[in-house]
Amino acid sequence: MHPTAMTNSKQFFDCYGPQLASDAAVKVIEIGSRDVNGSIRKNCPAAFEYIGVDFEPGKGVDLVLADPYVLPFADGSADAVVSSSCFEHSEMFWILFLEILRILKPAGLFYLNAPSNGGFHRYPVDCWRFYPDSGRALVSWARRNGVRAVLLESYTSTQIGDKWNDFVGVFLKDEAHLARYPRRILDSKEDFNNGLTERSEEFLRFSPMPEDQKKMQVITEIINNKFKLV
């Protein structure tokens, strides 16, 4: 778990935790919950029920999955599903996405954090990176499968002392419950690129390159200018 992912999850729970809270118990399920150098579980409100699932046992895993694409929970039983630094390792994440929507309540939320850049890291495989249009693409996939999902917001977070720029997406299962969630992380967040909300058509703080490419471009320009002077 790298620092950016931990910070992003805290901002999700800080923003949406109060909006999820109700008189009934709130159930949160984490996909890919094994504690590897930290866990986002600590950022979840203490009053919420929290269940961590993974495909192998370990610290932070409450339930081991027999099939990574079958979640052993009833339809419409979860208030929120969260997943951090996991979808890049899922060979068929689009199948898992539909399974997550199945177990969410109609007003349920899915929080996704996945890298938009960074090195090859197999666990046990490393298949995907997520870019600014990924959230909208997942919503298109949901609607093609009969689920009226909506992307509440997405963005690419800036680096925090490491190489990672993470894509973050917050999805609502059923657009009929949009009024329940008036607040967004992006209402106050400053350190991001390529932000979107369901209210915006154009990207906020558009950038075609992640920070590592920007830094490399600057370094290249400095080197080229130096040789020109010589």
Protein backbone atom coordinates (compact mmCIF):
# COMPACT_ATOMS: atom_id res chain seq x y z
CA MET A 1 0.00 0.00 0.00
CA HIS A 2 1.67 3.20 -1.15
CA PRO A 3 1.06 6.63 0.45
CA THR A 4 -1.14 7.98 -2.36
CA ALA A 5 -3.55 5.04 -2.09
CA MET A 6 -3.83 5.47 1.67
CA THR A 7 -4.51 9.20 1.36
CA ASN A 8 -7.10 8.67 -1.38
CA SER A 9 -9.03 6.15 0.72
CA LYS A 10 -9.07 8.51 3.71
CA GLN A 11 -10.51 11.26 1.54
CA PHE A 12 -13.20 8.88 0.30
CA PHE A 13 -14.28 7.86 3.80
CA ASP A 14 -14.07 11.45 5.08
CA CYS A 15 -16.33 12.66 2.26
CA TYR A 16 -18.75 9.78 1.78
CA GLY A 17 -18.75 8.19 5.23
CA PRO A 18 -21.15 10.80 6.68
CA GLN A 19 -23.31 10.55 3.54
CA LEU A 20 -23.48 6.75 3.88
CA ALA A 21 -24.31 6.85 7.59
CA SER A 22 -27.90 6.07 8.51
CA ASP A 23 -29.95 4.63 11.37
CA ALA A 24 -29.24 1.13 10.07
CA ALA A 25 -25.84 -0.56 10.24
CA VAL A 26 -23.56 0.29 7.32
CA LYS A 27 -21.76 -2.65 5.70
CA VAL A 28 -18.50 -2.06 3.82
CA ILE A 29 -16.78 -4.81 1.84
CA GLU A 30 -13.18 -4.47 0.69
CA ILE A 31 -11.99 -6.37 -2.38
CA GLY A 32 -8.30 -7.25 -2.14
CA SER A 33 -8.01 -6.60 1.59
CA ARG A 34 -4.75 -8.38 2.43
CA ASP A 35 -2.59 -5.98 4.42
CA VAL A 36 0.58 -5.40 2.40
CA ASN A 37 2.45 -2.44 3.90
CA GLY A 38 -0.76 -0.99 5.31
CA SER A 39 -4.51 -1.26 4.94
CA ILE A 40 -7.27 1.19 4.06
CA ARG A 41 -9.46 -0.47 6.71
CA LYS A 42 -8.10 1.94 9.30
CA ASN A 43 -9.69 4.87 7.44
CA CYS A 44 -13.21 3.43 7.59
CA PRO A 45 -15.50 4.86 10.30
CA ALA A 46 -15.37 2.62 13.37
CA ALA A 47 -19.16 2.31 13.52
CA PHE A 48 -19.32 0.63 10.09
CA GLU A 49 -19.23 -3.14 9.67
CA TYR A 50 -16.14 -3.97 7.62
CA ILE A 51 -15.48 -7.25 5.80
CA GLY A 52 -12.23 -7.81 3.94
CA VAL A 53 -12.05 -10.41 1.17
CA ASP A 54 -9.10 -11.67 -0.86
CA PHE A 55 -8.13 -14.73 -2.89
CA GLU A 56 -5.55 -15.82 -0.30
CA PRO A 57 -5.43 -15.69 3.52
CA GLY A 58 -3.43 -13.12 5.43
CA LYS A 59 -3.61 -10.14 7.73
CA GLY A 60 -6.75 -8.11 7.05
CA VAL A 61 -8.56 -10.95 5.25
CA ASP A 62 -11.85 -11.97 6.87
CA LEU A 63 -13.02 -14.17 4.01
CA VAL A 64 -11.02 -16.05 1.36
CA LEU A 65 -12.69 -16.19 -2.04
CA ALA A 66 -13.01 -19.54 -3.77
CA ASP A 67 -13.47 -17.67 -7.07
CA PRO A 68 -12.12 -14.10 -7.51
CA TYR A 69 -15.14 -13.25 -9.68
CA VAL A 70 -17.83 -14.56 -7.33
CA LEU A 71 -18.52 -12.57 -4.16
CA PRO A 72 -20.30 -14.68 -1.50
CA PHE A 73 -22.81 -12.00 -0.54
CA ALA A 74 -26.52 -11.62 -1.26
CA ASP A 75 -27.86 -9.26 -3.91
CA GLY A 76 -28.19 -5.70 -2.61
CA SER A 77 -26.57 -6.44 0.76
CA ALA A 78 -23.65 -3.95 0.88
CA ASP A 79 -23.73 -0.20 1.44
CA ALA A 80 -20.26 0.28 -0.01
CA VAL A 81 -17.58 -1.75 -1.72
CA VAL A 82 -14.02 -0.47 -1.77
CA SER A 83 -10.98 -1.68 -3.68
CA SER A 84 -7.49 -0.22 -3.63
CA SER A 85 -4.49 -1.35 -5.68
CA CYS A 86 -6.31 -4.50 -6.75
CA PHE A 87 -8.03 -4.05 -10.12
CA GLU A 88 -4.73 -3.86 -11.99
CA HIS A 89 -4.14 -7.46 -10.87
CA SER A 90 -7.58 -8.74 -11.92
CA GLU A 91 -7.39 -10.43 -15.31
CA MET A 92 -11.07 -9.72 -16.03
CA PHE A 93 -11.91 -6.74 -13.83
CA TRP A 94 -15.06 -5.97 -15.85
CA ILE A 95 -16.61 -9.22 -14.57
CA LEU A 96 -15.68 -8.30 -11.01
CA PHE A 97 -17.17 -4.82 -11.51
CA LEU A 98 -20.57 -6.29 -12.37
CA GLU A 99 -20.36 -8.62 -9.38
CA ILE A 100 -19.66 -5.64 -7.13
CA LEU A 101 -22.72 -3.85 -8.51
CA ARG A 102 -24.81 -6.96 -7.86
CA ILE A 103 -24.06 -6.99 -4.13
CA LEU A 104 -24.50 -3.24 -3.68
CA LYS A 105 -27.76 -1.77 -2.44
CA PRO A 106 -29.43 0.56 -4.98
CA ALA A 107 -27.95 3.55 -3.13
CA GLY A 108 -24.62 1.76 -2.62
CA LEU A 109 -21.22 3.14 -3.58
CA PHE A 110 -18.16 1.57 -5.15
CA TYR A 111 -14.78 3.20 -4.48
CA LEU A 112 -12.01 2.22 -6.89
CA ASN A 113 -8.33 3.12 -6.57
CA ALA A 114 -6.03 1.71 -9.26
CA PRO A 115 -2.72 2.89 -10.72
CA SER A 116 -2.59 5.09 -13.79
CA ASN A 117 1.16 4.62 -14.14
CA GLY A 118 4.03 2.90 -12.34
CA GLY A 119 6.23 -0.14 -12.70
CA PHE A 120 5.35 -3.73 -13.52
CA HIS A 121 4.43 -5.47 -10.24
CA ARG A 122 2.97 -8.97 -10.40
CA TYR A 123 0.60 -10.08 -7.62
CA PRO A 124 0.43 -12.71 -9.06
CA VAL A 125 -0.09 -10.88 -12.37
CA ASP A 126 -0.11 -7.21 -13.38
CA CYS A 127 -2.48 -6.59 -16.28
CA TRP A 128 -3.92 -3.09 -16.37
CA ARG A 129 -3.55 0.65 -15.79
CA PHE A 130 -6.52 3.03 -15.50
CA TYR A 131 -6.78 6.35 -17.34
CA PRO A 132 -9.11 9.36 -17.15
CA ASP A 133 -11.85 7.79 -19.30
CA SER A 134 -11.86 4.50 -17.36
CA GLY A 135 -14.69 5.51 -15.02
CA ARG A 136 -17.00 6.48 -17.84
CA ALA A 137 -16.14 3.25 -19.67
CA LEU A 138 -17.10 1.18 -16.62
CA VAL A 139 -20.42 3.02 -16.40
CA SER A 140 -21.05 2.25 -20.08
CA TRP A 141 -20.35 -1.42 -19.34
CA ALA A 142 -22.76 -1.38 -16.38
CA ARG A 143 -25.55 0.20 -18.42
CA ARG A 144 -24.99 -2.26 -21.25
CA ASN A 145 -25.69 -4.93 -18.62
CA GLY A 146 -28.87 -3.29 -17.32
CA VAL A 147 -27.49 -1.41 -14.29
CA ARG A 148 -28.19 2.35 -14.14
CA ALA A 149 -24.85 3.18 -12.56
CA VAL A 150 -23.41 6.68 -12.49
CA LEU A 151 -19.87 7.97 -12.00
CA LEU A 152 -20.12 10.45 -9.13
CA GLU A 153 -16.53 11.55 -9.62
CA SER A 154 -13.11 10.46 -10.76
CA TYR A 155 -9.62 11.92 -10.91
CA THR A 156 -5.94 11.08 -11.11
CA SER A 157 -4.22 11.90 -7.84
CA THR A 158 -0.77 13.47 -7.74
CA GLN A 159 2.23 11.68 -6.32
CA ILE A 160 3.00 11.65 -2.60
CA GLY A 161 6.67 10.82 -2.19
CA ASP A 162 6.62 7.96 -4.69
CA LYS A 163 6.11 7.13 -8.38
CA TRP A 164 2.38 6.42 -8.34
CA ASN A 165 -0.39 8.46 -9.90
CA ASP A 166 -3.62 6.68 -8.95
CA PHE A 167 -6.92 6.72 -10.78
CA VAL A 168 -9.80 7.12 -8.33
CA GLY A 169 -13.44 6.54 -9.22
CA VAL A 170 -16.57 6.71 -7.05
CA PHE A 171 -19.60 4.97 -8.54
CA LEU A 172 -23.26 4.97 -7.48
CA LYS A 173 -25.17 1.80 -8.37
CA ASP A 174 -28.49 3.44 -9.27
CA GLU A 175 -28.81 7.00 -10.55
CA ALA A 176 -32.24 7.26 -8.89
CA HIS A 177 -30.39 7.85 -5.59
CA LEU A 178 -28.15 10.63 -6.84
CA ALA A 179 -29.71 13.23 -4.51
CA ARG A 180 -28.47 11.33 -1.46
CA TYR A 181 -24.86 12.28 -2.27
CA PRO A 182 -24.54 16.05 -2.73
CA ARG A 183 -20.85 16.27 -1.71
CA ARG A 184 -17.75 15.28 -3.71
CA ILE A 185 -14.09 14.82 -2.84
CA LEU A 186 -13.29 17.21 -5.68
CA ASP A 187 -15.30 19.97 -4.00
CA SER A 188 -12.24 20.65 -1.83
CA LYS A 189 -9.39 18.57 -3.25
CA GLU A 190 -6.54 20.47 -4.91
CA ASP A 191 -3.89 17.85 -5.75
CA PHE A 192 -5.31 16.05 -8.78
CA ASN A 193 -5.46 16.01 -12.57
CA ASN A 194 -8.17 14.98 -15.04
CA GLY A 195 -11.09 15.31 -12.66
CA LEU A 196 -14.67 14.52 -13.58
CA THR A 197 -18.02 14.58 -11.81
CA GLU A 198 -21.46 13.65 -13.08
CA ARG A 199 -22.03 17.40 -13.36
CA SER A 200 -19.05 18.05 -15.68
CA GLU A 201 -18.56 17.38 -19.37
CA GLU A 202 -14.96 18.53 -19.60
CA PHE A 203 -12.01 17.39 -17.51
CA LEU A 204 -10.98 19.53 -14.57
CA ARG A 205 -7.24 20.24 -14.61
CA PHE A 206 -6.71 18.28 -17.80
CA SER A 207 -3.25 16.77 -18.28
CA PRO A 208 -2.20 14.32 -21.01
CA MET A 209 0.80 13.08 -19.00
CA PRO A 210 1.32 11.69 -15.48
CA GLU A 211 3.90 13.38 -13.27
CA ASP A 212 6.75 10.99 -14.05
CA GLN A 213 6.45 11.81 -17.77
CA LYS A 214 6.25 15.52 -17.01
CA LYS A 215 9.42 15.29 -14.91
CA MET A 216 11.21 13.33 -17.63
CA GLN A 217 10.15 15.94 -20.19
CA VAL A 218 11.62 18.71 -18.03
CA ILE A 219 14.86 16.77 -17.53
CA THR A 220 15.12 16.11 -21.27
CA GLU A 221 14.58 19.79 -22.06
CA ILE A 222 17.28 20.79 -19.56
CA ILE A 223 19.76 18.33 -21.07
CA ASN A 224 18.96 19.41 -24.62
CA ASN A 225 19.33 23.10 -23.73
CA LYS A 226 22.65 22.38 -22.03
CA PHE A 227 24.06 20.71 -25.14
CA LYS A 228 22.76 23.55 -27.31
CA LEU A 229 24.73 26.01 -25.19
CA VAL A 230 27.87 23.90 -25.57
